[in-house]
């Protein structure tokens, strides 16, 4: 059966394998590394907060 699928559309089968393998790896990493437990994650969050909190008008700080 696998040979029939590969012979009909091999590129689709490769995308399917890639999708499921990356989805499995991503879910595994989400489960193994809880939020704010990597060494510099808080710094990234803090910088993103400051970028989002700056004034909307670019010339207001001049």
Protein backbone atom coordinates (compact mmCIF):
# COMPACT_ATOMS: atom_id res chain seq x y z
CA UNK A 1 0.00 0.00 0.00
CA UNK A 2 2.85 2.43 0.80
CA UNK A 3 4.34 1.80 -2.64
CA UNK A 4 1.03 2.76 -4.25
CA UNK A 5 0.92 6.02 -2.29
CA UNK A 6 4.56 6.82 -3.08
CA UNK A 7 4.13 6.07 -6.79
CA UNK A 8 0.98 8.20 -7.08
CA UNK A 9 2.22 11.34 -5.39
CA UNK A 10 5.61 11.09 -3.66
CA UNK A 11 5.92 14.78 -2.82
CA UNK A 12 2.58 14.78 -0.96
CA UNK A 13 3.75 11.83 1.11
CA UNK A 14 7.00 13.64 1.97
CA UNK A 15 5.08 16.71 3.13
CA UNK A 16 2.84 14.51 5.22
CA UNK A 17 5.84 12.91 6.95
CA UNK A 18 7.45 16.32 7.49
CA UNK A 19 4.25 17.81 8.94
CA UNK A 20 3.61 15.01 11.42
CA UNK A 21 7.23 14.71 12.51
CA UNK A 22 7.55 18.47 13.18
CA UNK A 23 4.17 18.52 14.93
CA UNK A 24 5.30 15.68 17.19
CA UNK A 25 8.63 17.38 17.90
CA UNK A 26 6.94 20.72 18.61
CA UNK A 27 4.42 19.21 21.01
CA UNK A 28 7.19 17.33 22.77
CA UNK A 29 9.16 20.55 23.28
CA UNK A 30 6.06 22.38 24.49
CA UNK A 31 5.53 19.70 27.11
CA UNK A 32 9.18 19.39 28.18
CA UNK A 33 10.03 23.12 28.45
CA UNK A 34 7.43 24.91 30.57
CA UNK A 35 6.84 28.67 30.14
CA UNK A 36 9.53 31.03 31.50
CA UNK A 37 11.98 28.22 32.26
CA UNK A 38 14.56 28.81 29.56
CA UNK A 39 17.48 31.03 30.66
CA UNK A 40 16.62 34.27 28.86
CA UNK A 41 12.92 33.95 28.16
CA UNK A 42 11.97 36.64 30.65
CA UNK A 43 14.30 39.11 28.89
CA UNK A 44 12.63 38.43 25.54
CA UNK A 45 9.19 38.93 27.07
CA UNK A 46 10.32 42.15 28.76
CA UNK A 47 11.75 43.56 25.51
CA UNK A 48 8.59 42.67 23.57
CA UNK A 49 6.53 44.39 26.26
CA UNK A 50 8.61 47.56 25.96
CA UNK A 51 8.40 47.56 22.17
CA UNK A 52 4.61 47.18 22.34
CA UNK A 53 4.33 49.86 25.03
CA UNK A 54 6.23 52.62 23.21
CA UNK A 55 4.30 55.55 21.69
CA UNK A 56 2.49 54.98 18.41
CA UNK A 57 3.75 58.22 16.85
CA UNK A 58 7.40 57.76 15.87
CA UNK A 59 8.19 61.45 16.32
CA UNK A 60 6.68 61.77 19.79
CA UNK A 61 9.93 60.81 21.51
CA UNK A 62 12.05 63.39 19.61
